[in-house]
Amino acid sequence: MSNSTDPIRWLPHIKLEKYASEEDHRQQLPYEVVEQDGNLLTTAGLTRIMSLLVGAGGQAADNGHTRLGVGNSAVAEAAGQTDLQAAAGAANRWFQVMDATYPQVAAGVLTAKATFGSADGNFVWNEWGLTVDNSGSISGTTVGQTLLNRKVAALGTKAAGAIWVLTCTITLA
């Protein structure tokens, strides 16, 4: 019998579908689709996952408590971060509740999906992350609970009237 280790890889991926209007969104006619791999699992996010694994408490990622957040900060990711780095306020950051039936888990892949409406997150999107809020999810500008992960990524500038749909998948392999 040999001693070997099998590393676990954290494999996040996002897909951002950009719609110019609600009508384009209804017709599923995006003007641009952006896909990117990777982000940083925060220390607090890893601690939360491990606490859930051993039954030490904590809120599970369900539809009533999970949000995707975006902000306009380009400050580099760091494992110790517990929030987006954008300044407070709706002109700089926004956390959006999950679409109905999300998050989902299938074949070891977590999928989180949130639709940012015409009045939500209208600024330069330079960062994103996933949060699970103990008090129950509502869209807004505060993290509420520790950010699970964070990524700095130039995703574009969302303007009033546009609908953007952010889908994040996380695979542990």
Foldseek 3Di string as FASTA:
>chain_A
DDDDDDDKDKKKKKKKFKFQAPVCVVVVNGPDIDMDIDWFFAPVLVVQVVCVVVVVDDDDDDQFFKWKKFFDDQPDDDNHDFFDPWDFDQQTMKIFGFDPPPQDDDPQKTKTKGKAALSHNQAWTFKMFMAGAPVTDDMDGDRNGGTRIMDGHGPGGRHRRMMMMMMMMIHID
